[in-house]
Full PDB file with SEQRES, HELIX, SHEET, SSBOND, CRYST1, ORIGX, SCALE, CONECT and MASTER records, all heavy atoms in Angstrom:
SEQRES   1 A   36  MET TRP ALA LEU GLY ASP GLU GLN THR ARG LEU ALA ILE          
SEQRES   2 A   36  GLU ALA ALA HIS GLU ARG ALA ILE GLN ARG VAL LEU GLU          
SEQRES   3 A   36  ARG ILE GLU CYS HIS ILE ALA VAL ILE ARG                      
HELIX    1 AA1 GLU A    7  ARG A   27  1                                  21    
HELIX    2 AA2 ILE A   28  ILE A   32  3                                   5    
CRYST1    1.000    1.000    1.000  90.00  90.00  90.00 P 1           1          
ORIGX1      1.000000  0.000000  0.000000        0.00000                         
ORIGX2      0.000000  1.000000  0.000000        0.00000                         
ORIGX3      0.000000  0.000000  1.000000        0.00000                         
SCALE1      1.000000  0.000000  0.000000        0.00000                         
SCALE2      0.000000  1.000000  0.000000        0.00000                         
SCALE3      0.000000  0.000000  1.000000        0.00000                         
ATOM      1  N   MET A   1       0.754  13.893   8.258  1.00  0.00           N  
ATOM      2  CA  MET A   1      -0.238  13.335   9.203  1.00  0.00           C  
ATOM      3  C   MET A   1       0.339  12.072   9.844  1.00  0.00           C  
ATOM      4  O   MET A   1       0.046  11.881  11.087  1.00  0.00           O  
ATOM      5  CB  MET A   1      -1.479  12.976   8.521  1.00  0.00           C  
ATOM      6  CG  MET A   1      -2.326  14.225   8.070  1.00  0.00           C  
ATOM      7  SD  MET A   1      -3.860  13.768   7.204  1.00  0.00           S  
ATOM      8  CE  MET A   1      -4.688  12.844   8.393  1.00  0.00           C  
ATOM      9  N   TRP A   2       1.074  11.278   9.113  1.00  0.00           N  
ATOM     10  CA  TRP A   2       1.574  10.056   9.721  1.00  0.00           C  
ATOM     11  C   TRP A   2       2.552  10.357  10.865  1.00  0.00           C  
ATOM     12  O   TRP A   2       2.464   9.810  11.962  1.00  0.00           O  
ATOM     13  CB  TRP A   2       2.235   9.218   8.657  1.00  0.00           C  
ATOM     14  CG  TRP A   2       3.001   8.042   9.228  1.00  0.00           C  
ATOM     15  CD1 TRP A   2       2.406   6.835   9.629  1.00  0.00           C  
ATOM     16  CD2 TRP A   2       4.374   7.873   9.426  1.00  0.00           C  
ATOM     17  NE1 TRP A   2       3.300   5.935  10.048  1.00  0.00           N  
ATOM     18  CE2 TRP A   2       4.585   6.603   9.973  1.00  0.00           C  
ATOM     19  CE3 TRP A   2       5.469   8.715   9.264  1.00  0.00           C  
ATOM     20  CZ2 TRP A   2       5.830   6.185  10.338  1.00  0.00           C  
ATOM     21  CZ3 TRP A   2       6.711   8.278   9.637  1.00  0.00           C  
ATOM     22  CH2 TRP A   2       6.883   6.968  10.193  1.00  0.00           C  
ATOM     23  N   ALA A   3       3.402  11.316  10.678  1.00  0.00           N  
ATOM     24  CA  ALA A   3       4.464  11.547  11.711  1.00  0.00           C  
ATOM     25  C   ALA A   3       3.881  12.295  12.919  1.00  0.00           C  
ATOM     26  O   ALA A   3       4.373  12.092  13.994  1.00  0.00           O  
ATOM     27  CB  ALA A   3       5.554  12.366  11.111  1.00  0.00           C  
ATOM     28  N   LEU A   4       2.923  13.107  12.769  1.00  0.00           N  
ATOM     29  CA  LEU A   4       2.435  13.938  13.830  1.00  0.00           C  
ATOM     30  C   LEU A   4       1.076  13.535  14.381  1.00  0.00           C  
ATOM     31  O   LEU A   4       0.641  14.055  15.360  1.00  0.00           O  
ATOM     32  CB  LEU A   4       2.280  15.453  13.317  1.00  0.00           C  
ATOM     33  CG  LEU A   4       3.606  16.038  12.854  1.00  0.00           C  
ATOM     34  CD1 LEU A   4       3.426  17.479  12.292  1.00  0.00           C  
ATOM     35  CD2 LEU A   4       4.659  16.034  13.919  1.00  0.00           C  
ATOM     36  N   GLY A   5       0.466  12.582  13.745  1.00  0.00           N  
ATOM     37  CA  GLY A   5      -0.847  12.128  14.159  1.00  0.00           C  
ATOM     38  C   GLY A   5      -0.802  11.279  15.429  1.00  0.00           C  
ATOM     39  O   GLY A   5       0.247  10.813  15.848  1.00  0.00           O  
ATOM     40  N   ASP A   6      -1.978  11.068  16.004  1.00  0.00           N  
ATOM     41  CA  ASP A   6      -2.051  10.173  17.184  1.00  0.00           C  
ATOM     42  C   ASP A   6      -1.963   8.725  16.688  1.00  0.00           C  
ATOM     43  O   ASP A   6      -1.840   8.445  15.484  1.00  0.00           O  
ATOM     44  CB  ASP A   6      -3.339  10.463  17.955  1.00  0.00           C  
ATOM     45  CG  ASP A   6      -4.552  10.184  17.132  1.00  0.00           C  
ATOM     46  OD1 ASP A   6      -4.507   9.482  16.148  1.00  0.00           O  
ATOM     47  OD2 ASP A   6      -5.659  10.742  17.521  1.00  0.00           O  
ATOM     48  N   GLU A   7      -1.937   7.807  17.651  1.00  0.00           N  
ATOM     49  CA  GLU A   7      -1.710   6.390  17.353  1.00  0.00           C  
ATOM     50  C   GLU A   7      -2.736   5.889  16.329  1.00  0.00           C  
ATOM     51  O   GLU A   7      -2.428   5.158  15.372  1.00  0.00           O  
ATOM     52  CB  GLU A   7      -1.741   5.546  18.584  1.00  0.00           C  
ATOM     53  CG  GLU A   7      -1.466   4.057  18.341  1.00  0.00           C  
ATOM     54  CD  GLU A   7      -0.061   3.805  18.029  1.00  0.00           C  
ATOM     55  OE1 GLU A   7       0.782   4.609  18.166  1.00  0.00           O  
ATOM     56  OE2 GLU A   7       0.194   2.607  17.576  1.00  0.00           O  
ATOM     57  N   GLN A   8      -4.013   6.261  16.488  1.00  0.00           N  
ATOM     58  CA  GLN A   8      -5.117   5.758  15.622  1.00  0.00           C  
ATOM     59  C   GLN A   8      -4.890   6.311  14.210  1.00  0.00           C  
ATOM     60  O   GLN A   8      -5.040   5.564  13.257  1.00  0.00           O  
ATOM     61  CB  GLN A   8      -6.463   6.237  16.132  1.00  0.00           C  
ATOM     62  CG  GLN A   8      -7.568   5.742  15.354  1.00  0.00           C  
ATOM     63  CD  GLN A   8      -8.983   6.168  15.942  1.00  0.00           C  
ATOM     64  OE1 GLN A   8      -9.030   6.816  16.980  1.00  0.00           O  
ATOM     65  NE2 GLN A   8     -10.019   5.784  15.266  1.00  0.00           N  
ATOM     66  N   THR A   9      -4.454   7.589  14.099  1.00  0.00           N  
ATOM     67  CA  THR A   9      -4.224   8.171  12.709  1.00  0.00           C  
ATOM     68  C   THR A   9      -3.042   7.489  12.091  1.00  0.00           C  
ATOM     69  O   THR A   9      -3.039   7.117  10.909  1.00  0.00           O  
ATOM     70  CB  THR A   9      -3.952   9.683  12.926  1.00  0.00           C  
ATOM     71  OG1 THR A   9      -5.036  10.280  13.538  1.00  0.00           O  
ATOM     72  CG2 THR A   9      -3.615  10.360  11.559  1.00  0.00           C  
ATOM     73  N   ARG A  10      -1.958   7.283  12.813  1.00  0.00           N  
ATOM     74  CA  ARG A  10      -0.825   6.574  12.276  1.00  0.00           C  
ATOM     75  C   ARG A  10      -1.152   5.125  11.736  1.00  0.00           C  
ATOM     76  O   ARG A  10      -0.763   4.735  10.677  1.00  0.00           O  
ATOM     77  CB  ARG A  10       0.375   6.498  13.259  1.00  0.00           C  
ATOM     78  CG  ARG A  10       1.060   7.812  13.440  1.00  0.00           C  
ATOM     79  CD  ARG A  10       2.369   7.652  14.146  1.00  0.00           C  
ATOM     80  NE  ARG A  10       2.189   7.066  15.451  1.00  0.00           N  
ATOM     81  CZ  ARG A  10       1.928   7.753  16.540  1.00  0.00           C  
ATOM     82  NH1 ARG A  10       1.810   9.075  16.489  1.00  0.00           N  
ATOM     83  NH2 ARG A  10       1.816   7.151  17.738  1.00  0.00           N  
ATOM     84  N   LEU A  11      -1.936   4.427  12.597  1.00  0.00           N  
ATOM     85  CA  LEU A  11      -2.365   3.082  12.171  1.00  0.00           C  
ATOM     86  C   LEU A  11      -3.190   3.106  10.939  1.00  0.00           C  
ATOM     87  O   LEU A  11      -3.083   2.225  10.060  1.00  0.00           O  
ATOM     88  CB  LEU A  11      -3.043   2.386  13.345  1.00  0.00           C  
ATOM     89  CG  LEU A  11      -2.166   2.033  14.517  1.00  0.00           C  
ATOM     90  CD1 LEU A  11      -2.994   1.482  15.656  1.00  0.00           C  
ATOM     91  CD2 LEU A  11      -1.081   1.029  14.104  1.00  0.00           C  
ATOM     92  N   ALA A  12      -4.105   4.038  10.844  1.00  0.00           N  
ATOM     93  CA  ALA A  12      -4.982   4.143   9.632  1.00  0.00           C  
ATOM     94  C   ALA A  12      -4.108   4.443   8.380  1.00  0.00           C  
ATOM     95  O   ALA A  12      -4.354   3.866   7.296  1.00  0.00           O  
ATOM     96  CB  ALA A  12      -6.025   5.213   9.839  1.00  0.00           C  
ATOM     97  N   ILE A  13      -3.196   5.329   8.507  1.00  0.00           N  
ATOM     98  CA  ILE A  13      -2.302   5.709   7.398  1.00  0.00           C  
ATOM     99  C   ILE A  13      -1.454   4.533   6.991  1.00  0.00           C  
ATOM    100  O   ILE A  13      -1.302   4.235   5.807  1.00  0.00           O  
ATOM    101  CB  ILE A  13      -1.525   6.943   7.688  1.00  0.00           C  
ATOM    102  CG1 ILE A  13      -2.397   8.182   7.766  1.00  0.00           C  
ATOM    103  CG2 ILE A  13      -0.337   7.157   6.641  1.00  0.00           C  
ATOM    104  CD1 ILE A  13      -1.744   9.460   8.300  1.00  0.00           C  
ATOM    105  N   GLU A  14      -0.890   3.824   7.988  1.00  0.00           N  
ATOM    106  CA  GLU A  14      -0.100   2.592   7.675  1.00  0.00           C  
ATOM    107  C   GLU A  14      -0.909   1.541   6.992  1.00  0.00           C  
ATOM    108  O   GLU A  14      -0.450   0.854   6.097  1.00  0.00           O  
ATOM    109  CB  GLU A  14       0.561   2.150   8.924  1.00  0.00           C  
ATOM    110  CG  GLU A  14       1.667   2.986   9.413  1.00  0.00           C  
ATOM    111  CD  GLU A  14       2.229   2.607  10.749  1.00  0.00           C  
ATOM    112  OE1 GLU A  14       1.945   1.461  11.226  1.00  0.00           O  
ATOM    113  OE2 GLU A  14       2.996   3.470  11.325  1.00  0.00           O  
ATOM    114  N   ALA A  15      -2.177   1.350   7.421  1.00  0.00           N  
ATOM    115  CA  ALA A  15      -3.036   0.347   6.785  1.00  0.00           C  
ATOM    116  C   ALA A  15      -3.331   0.757   5.353  1.00  0.00           C  
ATOM    117  O   ALA A  15      -3.332  -0.085   4.432  1.00  0.00           O  
ATOM    118  CB  ALA A  15      -4.341   0.223   7.576  1.00  0.00           C  
ATOM    119  N   ALA A  16      -3.603   2.058   5.060  1.00  0.00           N  
ATOM    120  CA  ALA A  16      -3.842   2.538   3.761  1.00  0.00           C  
ATOM    121  C   ALA A  16      -2.533   2.340   2.859  1.00  0.00           C  
ATOM    122  O   ALA A  16      -2.648   1.971   1.684  1.00  0.00           O  
ATOM    123  CB  ALA A  16      -4.274   4.014   3.733  1.00  0.00           C  
ATOM    124  N   HIS A  17      -1.464   2.590   3.452  1.00  0.00           N  
ATOM    125  CA  HIS A  17      -0.128   2.421   2.804  1.00  0.00           C  
ATOM    126  C   HIS A  17       0.079   0.948   2.408  1.00  0.00           C  
ATOM    127  O   HIS A  17       0.418   0.618   1.257  1.00  0.00           O  
ATOM    128  CB  HIS A  17       0.985   2.888   3.727  1.00  0.00           C  
ATOM    129  CG  HIS A  17       2.367   2.890   3.159  1.00  0.00           C  
ATOM    130  ND1 HIS A  17       2.854   3.829   2.317  1.00  0.00           N  
ATOM    131  CD2 HIS A  17       3.395   2.018   3.383  1.00  0.00           C  
ATOM    132  CE1 HIS A  17       4.117   3.558   2.002  1.00  0.00           C  
ATOM    133  NE2 HIS A  17       4.451   2.472   2.634  1.00  0.00           N  
ATOM    134  N   GLU A  18      -0.233   0.058   3.255  1.00  0.00           N  
ATOM    135  CA  GLU A  18      -0.174  -1.423   2.997  1.00  0.00           C  
ATOM    136  C   GLU A  18      -1.076  -1.786   1.833  1.00  0.00           C  
ATOM    137  O   GLU A  18      -0.650  -2.551   0.952  1.00  0.00           O  
ATOM    138  CB  GLU A  18      -0.470  -2.236   4.264  1.00  0.00           C  
ATOM    139  CG  GLU A  18       0.530  -2.270   5.315  1.00  0.00           C  
ATOM    140  CD  GLU A  18       1.791  -3.045   4.774  1.00  0.00           C  
ATOM    141  OE1 GLU A  18       1.603  -4.061   4.061  1.00  0.00           O  
ATOM    142  OE2 GLU A  18       2.887  -2.637   5.130  1.00  0.00           O  
ATOM    143  N   ARG A  19      -2.294  -1.298   1.905  1.00  0.00           N  
ATOM    144  CA  ARG A  19      -3.255  -1.659   0.862  1.00  0.00           C  
ATOM    145  C   ARG A  19      -2.778  -1.148  -0.531  1.00  0.00           C  
ATOM    146  O   ARG A  19      -2.909  -1.807  -1.515  1.00  0.00           O  
ATOM    147  CB  ARG A  19      -4.648  -1.017   1.161  1.00  0.00           C  
ATOM    148  CG  ARG A  19      -5.452  -1.909   2.143  1.00  0.00           C  
ATOM    149  CD  ARG A  19      -6.883  -1.447   2.249  1.00  0.00           C  
ATOM    150  NE  ARG A  19      -7.077  -0.043   2.454  1.00  0.00           N  
ATOM    151  CZ  ARG A  19      -7.136   0.512   3.686  1.00  0.00           C  
ATOM    152  NH1 ARG A  19      -6.918  -0.226   4.785  1.00  0.00           N  
ATOM    153  NH2 ARG A  19      -7.326   1.787   3.796  1.00  0.00           N  
ATOM    154  N   ALA A  20      -2.221   0.083  -0.498  1.00  0.00           N  
ATOM    155  CA  ALA A  20      -1.699   0.636  -1.753  1.00  0.00           C  
ATOM    156  C   ALA A  20      -0.572  -0.224  -2.382  1.00  0.00           C  
ATOM    157  O   ALA A  20      -0.577  -0.505  -3.540  1.00  0.00           O  
ATOM    158  CB  ALA A  20      -1.268   2.066  -1.537  1.00  0.00           C  
ATOM    159  N   ILE A  21       0.316  -0.614  -1.512  1.00  0.00           N  
ATOM    160  CA  ILE A  21       1.443  -1.507  -1.969  1.00  0.00           C  
ATOM    161  C   ILE A  21       0.901  -2.789  -2.523  1.00  0.00           C  
ATOM    162  O   ILE A  21       1.374  -3.203  -3.611  1.00  0.00           O  
ATOM    163  CB  ILE A  21       2.423  -1.754  -0.817  1.00  0.00           C  
ATOM    164  CG1 ILE A  21       3.159  -0.350  -0.491  1.00  0.00           C  
ATOM    165  CG2 ILE A  21       3.463  -2.839  -1.175  1.00  0.00           C  
ATOM    166  CD1 ILE A  21       4.020  -0.460   0.797  1.00  0.00           C  
ATOM    167  N   GLN A  22      -0.012  -3.428  -1.825  1.00  0.00           N  
ATOM    168  CA  GLN A  22      -0.566  -4.737  -2.266  1.00  0.00           C  
ATOM    169  C   GLN A  22      -1.282  -4.524  -3.608  1.00  0.00           C  
ATOM    170  O   GLN A  22      -1.152  -5.374  -4.494  1.00  0.00           O  
ATOM    171  CB  GLN A  22      -1.552  -5.279  -1.240  1.00  0.00           C  
ATOM    172  CG  GLN A  22      -0.858  -5.768  -0.028  1.00  0.00           C  
ATOM    173  CD  GLN A  22       0.252  -6.827  -0.289  1.00  0.00           C  
ATOM    174  OE1 GLN A  22       0.037  -7.703  -1.127  1.00  0.00           O  
ATOM    175  NE2 GLN A  22       1.345  -6.704   0.340  1.00  0.00           N  
ATOM    176  N   ARG A  23      -2.008  -3.481  -3.784  1.00  0.00           N  
ATOM    177  CA  ARG A  23      -2.746  -3.217  -5.084  1.00  0.00           C  
ATOM    178  C   ARG A  23      -1.729  -2.982  -6.201  1.00  0.00           C  
ATOM    179  O   ARG A  23      -1.949  -3.559  -7.322  1.00  0.00           O  
ATOM    180  CB  ARG A  23      -3.688  -2.087  -4.980  1.00  0.00           C  
ATOM    181  CG  ARG A  23      -4.834  -2.410  -4.019  1.00  0.00           C  
ATOM    182  CD  ARG A  23      -5.992  -1.528  -4.102  1.00  0.00           C  
ATOM    183  NE  ARG A  23      -6.579  -1.650  -5.468  1.00  0.00           N  
ATOM    184  CZ  ARG A  23      -7.467  -0.785  -5.930  1.00  0.00           C  
ATOM    185  NH1 ARG A  23      -7.952   0.211  -5.122  1.00  0.00           N  
ATOM    186  NH2 ARG A  23      -7.896  -0.902  -7.138  1.00  0.00           N  
ATOM    187  N   VAL A  24      -0.645  -2.273  -5.956  1.00  0.00           N  
ATOM    188  CA  VAL A  24       0.302  -2.099  -7.032  1.00  0.00           C  
ATOM    189  C   VAL A  24       1.013  -3.382  -7.420  1.00  0.00           C  
ATOM    190  O   VAL A  24       1.152  -3.714  -8.574  1.00  0.00           O  
ATOM    191  CB  VAL A  24       1.347  -1.075  -6.552  1.00  0.00           C  
ATOM    192  CG1 VAL A  24       2.618  -1.044  -7.463  1.00  0.00           C  
ATOM    193  CG2 VAL A  24       0.738   0.336  -6.532  1.00  0.00           C  
ATOM    194  N   LEU A  25       1.387  -4.154  -6.381  1.00  0.00           N  
ATOM    195  CA  LEU A  25       2.016  -5.494  -6.673  1.00  0.00           C  
ATOM    196  C   LEU A  25       1.041  -6.394  -7.453  1.00  0.00           C  
ATOM    197  O   LEU A  25       1.462  -7.094  -8.378  1.00  0.00           O  
ATOM    198  CB  LEU A  25       2.475  -6.143  -5.430  1.00  0.00           C  
ATOM    199  CG  LEU A  25       3.750  -5.507  -4.759  1.00  0.00           C  
ATOM    200  CD1 LEU A  25       4.038  -6.156  -3.430  1.00  0.00           C  
ATOM    201  CD2 LEU A  25       4.948  -5.695  -5.747  1.00  0.00           C  
ATOM    202  N   GLU A  26      -0.270  -6.407  -7.052  1.00  0.00           N  
ATOM    203  CA  GLU A  26      -1.271  -7.223  -7.725  1.00  0.00           C  
ATOM    204  C   GLU A  26      -1.354  -6.782  -9.206  1.00  0.00           C  
ATOM    205  O   GLU A  26      -1.464  -7.621 -10.134  1.00  0.00           O  
ATOM    206  CB  GLU A  26      -2.614  -7.171  -7.040  1.00  0.00           C  
ATOM    207  CG  GLU A  26      -2.613  -7.906  -5.765  1.00  0.00           C  
ATOM    208  CD  GLU A  26      -3.927  -7.627  -4.937  1.00  0.00           C  
ATOM    209  OE1 GLU A  26      -4.722  -6.891  -5.467  1.00  0.00           O  
ATOM    210  OE2 GLU A  26      -3.942  -8.091  -3.816  1.00  0.00           O  
ATOM    211  N   ARG A  27      -1.385  -5.448  -9.468  1.00  0.00           N  
ATOM    212  CA  ARG A  27      -1.509  -4.975 -10.780  1.00  0.00           C  
ATOM    213  C   ARG A  27      -0.276  -5.353 -11.640  1.00  0.00           C  
ATOM    214  O   ARG A  27      -0.438  -5.807 -12.835  1.00  0.00           O  
ATOM    215  CB  ARG A  27      -1.650  -3.482 -10.789  1.00  0.00           C  
ATOM    216  CG  ARG A  27      -1.859  -2.876 -12.160  1.00  0.00           C  
ATOM    217  CD  ARG A  27      -2.500  -1.570 -12.122  1.00  0.00           C  
ATOM    218  NE  ARG A  27      -2.636  -0.949 -13.418  1.00  0.00           N  
ATOM    219  CZ  ARG A  27      -3.505  -1.266 -14.367  1.00  0.00           C  
ATOM    220  NH1 ARG A  27      -4.396  -2.222 -14.113  1.00  0.00           N  
ATOM    221  NH2 ARG A  27      -3.534  -0.687 -15.525  1.00  0.00           N  
ATOM    222  N   ILE A  28       0.938  -5.242 -11.064  1.00  0.00           N  
ATOM    223  CA  ILE A  28       2.171  -5.616 -11.775  1.00  0.00           C  
ATOM    224  C   ILE A  28       2.077  -7.082 -12.075  1.00  0.00           C  
ATOM    225  O   ILE A  28       2.366  -7.481 -13.234  1.00  0.00           O  
ATOM    226  CB  ILE A  28       3.375  -5.244 -10.940  1.00  0.00           C  
ATOM    227  CG1 ILE A  28       3.544  -3.731 -10.881  1.00  0.00           C  
ATOM    228  CG2 ILE A  28       4.587  -5.918 -11.512  1.00  0.00           C  
ATOM    229  CD1 ILE A  28       4.592  -3.302  -9.892  1.00  0.00           C  
ATOM    230  N   GLU A  29       1.696  -7.929 -11.132  1.00  0.00           N  
ATOM    231  CA  GLU A  29       1.639  -9.323 -11.303  1.00  0.00           C  
ATOM    232  C   GLU A  29       0.654  -9.773 -12.360  1.00  0.00           C  
ATOM    233  O   GLU A  29       0.904 -10.666 -13.160  1.00  0.00           O  
ATOM    234  CB  GLU A  29       1.347 -10.024  -9.968  1.00  0.00           C  
ATOM    235  CG  GLU A  29       1.853 -11.403  -9.838  1.00  0.00           C  
ATOM    236  CD  GLU A  29       1.788 -11.930  -8.384  1.00  0.00           C  
ATOM    237  OE1 GLU A  29       0.815 -11.582  -7.694  1.00  0.00           O  
ATOM    238  OE2 GLU A  29       2.796 -12.620  -8.026  1.00  0.00           O  
ATOM    239  N   CYS A  30      -0.529  -9.148 -12.405  1.00  0.00           N  
ATOM    240  CA  CYS A  30      -1.526  -9.538 -13.286  1.00  0.00           C  
ATOM    241  C   CYS A  30      -1.478  -8.941 -14.685  1.00  0.00           C  
ATOM    242  O   CYS A  30      -1.951  -9.519 -15.683  1.00  0.00           O  
ATOM    243  CB  CYS A  30      -2.937  -9.192 -12.715  1.00  0.00           C  
ATOM    244  SG  CYS A  30      -3.343 -10.167 -11.277  1.00  0.00           S  
ATOM    245  N   HIS A  31      -0.881  -7.734 -14.818  1.00  0.00           N  
ATOM    246  CA  HIS A  31      -0.958  -7.030 -16.113  1.00  0.00           C  
ATOM    247  C   HIS A  31       0.320  -6.621 -16.720  1.00  0.00           C  
ATOM    248  O   HIS A  31       0.390  -6.246 -17.892  1.00  0.00           O  
ATOM    249  CB  HIS A  31      -1.833  -5.722 -15.941  1.00  0.00           C  
ATOM    250  CG  HIS A  31      -3.186  -5.963 -15.440  1.00  0.00           C  
ATOM    251  ND1 HIS A  31      -4.144  -6.529 -16.269  1.00  0.00           N  
ATOM    252  CD2 HIS A  31      -3.789  -5.774 -14.217  1.00  0.00           C  
ATOM    253  CE1 HIS A  31      -5.345  -6.694 -15.544  1.00  0.00           C  
ATOM    254  NE2 HIS A  31      -5.097  -6.201 -14.339  1.00  0.00           N  
ATOM    255  N   ILE A  32       1.410  -6.725 -15.948  1.00  0.00           N  
ATOM    256  CA  ILE A  32       2.680  -6.227 -16.440  1.00  0.00           C  
ATOM    257  C   ILE A  32       3.751  -7.338 -16.585  1.00  0.00           C  
ATOM    258  O   ILE A  32       4.407  -7.505 -17.575  1.00  0.00           O  
ATOM    259  CB  ILE A  32       3.229  -5.056 -15.627  1.00  0.00           C  
ATOM    260  CG1 ILE A  32       2.189  -3.874 -15.701  1.00  0.00           C  
ATOM    261  CG2 ILE A  32       4.562  -4.629 -16.060  1.00  0.00           C  
ATOM    262  CD1 ILE A  32       2.492  -2.808 -14.736  1.00  0.00           C  
ATOM    263  N   ALA A  33       3.908  -8.138 -15.518  1.00  0.00           N  
ATOM    264  CA  ALA A  33       4.950  -9.125 -15.439  1.00  0.00           C  
ATOM    265  C   ALA A  33       4.631 -10.262 -16.368  1.00  0.00           C  
ATOM    266  O   ALA A  33       3.572 -10.891 -16.236  1.00  0.00           O  
ATOM    267  CB  ALA A  33       5.132  -9.662 -14.016  1.00  0.00           C  
ATOM    268  N   VAL A  34       5.481 -10.529 -17.345  1.00  0.00           N  
ATOM    269  CA  VAL A  34       5.317 -11.620 -18.241  1.00  0.00           C  
ATOM    270  C   VAL A  34       6.686 -12.316 -18.465  1.00  0.00           C  
ATOM    271  O   VAL A  34       7.703 -11.672 -18.347  1.00  0.00           O  
ATOM    272  CB  VAL A  34       4.773 -11.267 -19.624  1.00  0.00           C  
ATOM    273  CG1 VAL A  34       3.313 -10.752 -19.487  1.00  0.00           C  
ATOM    274  CG2 VAL A  34       5.657 -10.287 -20.343  1.00  0.00           C  
ATOM    275  N   ILE A  35       6.664 -13.601 -18.765  1.00  0.00           N  
ATOM    276  CA  ILE A  35       7.826 -14.314 -19.131  1.00  0.00           C  
ATOM    277  C   ILE A  35       7.678 -14.572 -20.596  1.00  0.00           C  
ATOM    278  O   ILE A  35       6.665 -15.169 -21.066  1.00  0.00           O  
ATOM    279  CB  ILE A  35       7.954 -15.627 -18.388  1.00  0.00           C  
ATOM    280  CG1 ILE A  35       8.123 -15.327 -16.890  1.00  0.00           C  
ATOM    281  CG2 ILE A  35       9.133 -16.483 -18.902  1.00  0.00           C  
ATOM    282  CD1 ILE A  35       8.016 -16.617 -16.016  1.00  0.00           C  
ATOM    283  N   ARG A  36       8.716 -14.145 -21.363  1.00  0.00           N  
ATOM    284  CA  ARG A  36       8.654 -14.412 -22.843  1.00  0.00           C  
ATOM    285  C   ARG A  36       9.589 -15.564 -23.156  1.00  0.00           C  
ATOM    286  O   ARG A  36      10.664 -15.621 -22.656  1.00  0.00           O  
ATOM    287  CB  ARG A  36       9.130 -13.142 -23.539  1.00  0.00           C  
ATOM    288  CG  ARG A  36       8.157 -11.925 -23.329  1.00  0.00           C  
ATOM    289  CD  ARG A  36       8.681 -10.712 -23.951  1.00  0.00           C  
ATOM    290  NE  ARG A  36       8.779 -10.906 -25.397  1.00  0.00           N  
ATOM    291  CZ  ARG A  36       9.143 -10.022 -26.228  1.00  0.00           C  
ATOM    292  NH1 ARG A  36       9.495  -8.821 -25.841  1.00  0.00           N  
ATOM    293  NH2 ARG A  36       9.222 -10.297 -27.554  1.00  0.00           N  
TER     294      ARG A  36                                                      
MASTER        0    0    0    2    0    0    0    6  293    1    0    3          
END                                                                             
């Protein structure tokens, strides 16, 4: 969908992609990354 969609579709997919990356990084930072 991202490659073949219109501009609005591509932007929506890219925004969802950004949100997913941010959520993963937040989860890693809050629950996984520790200094021992």
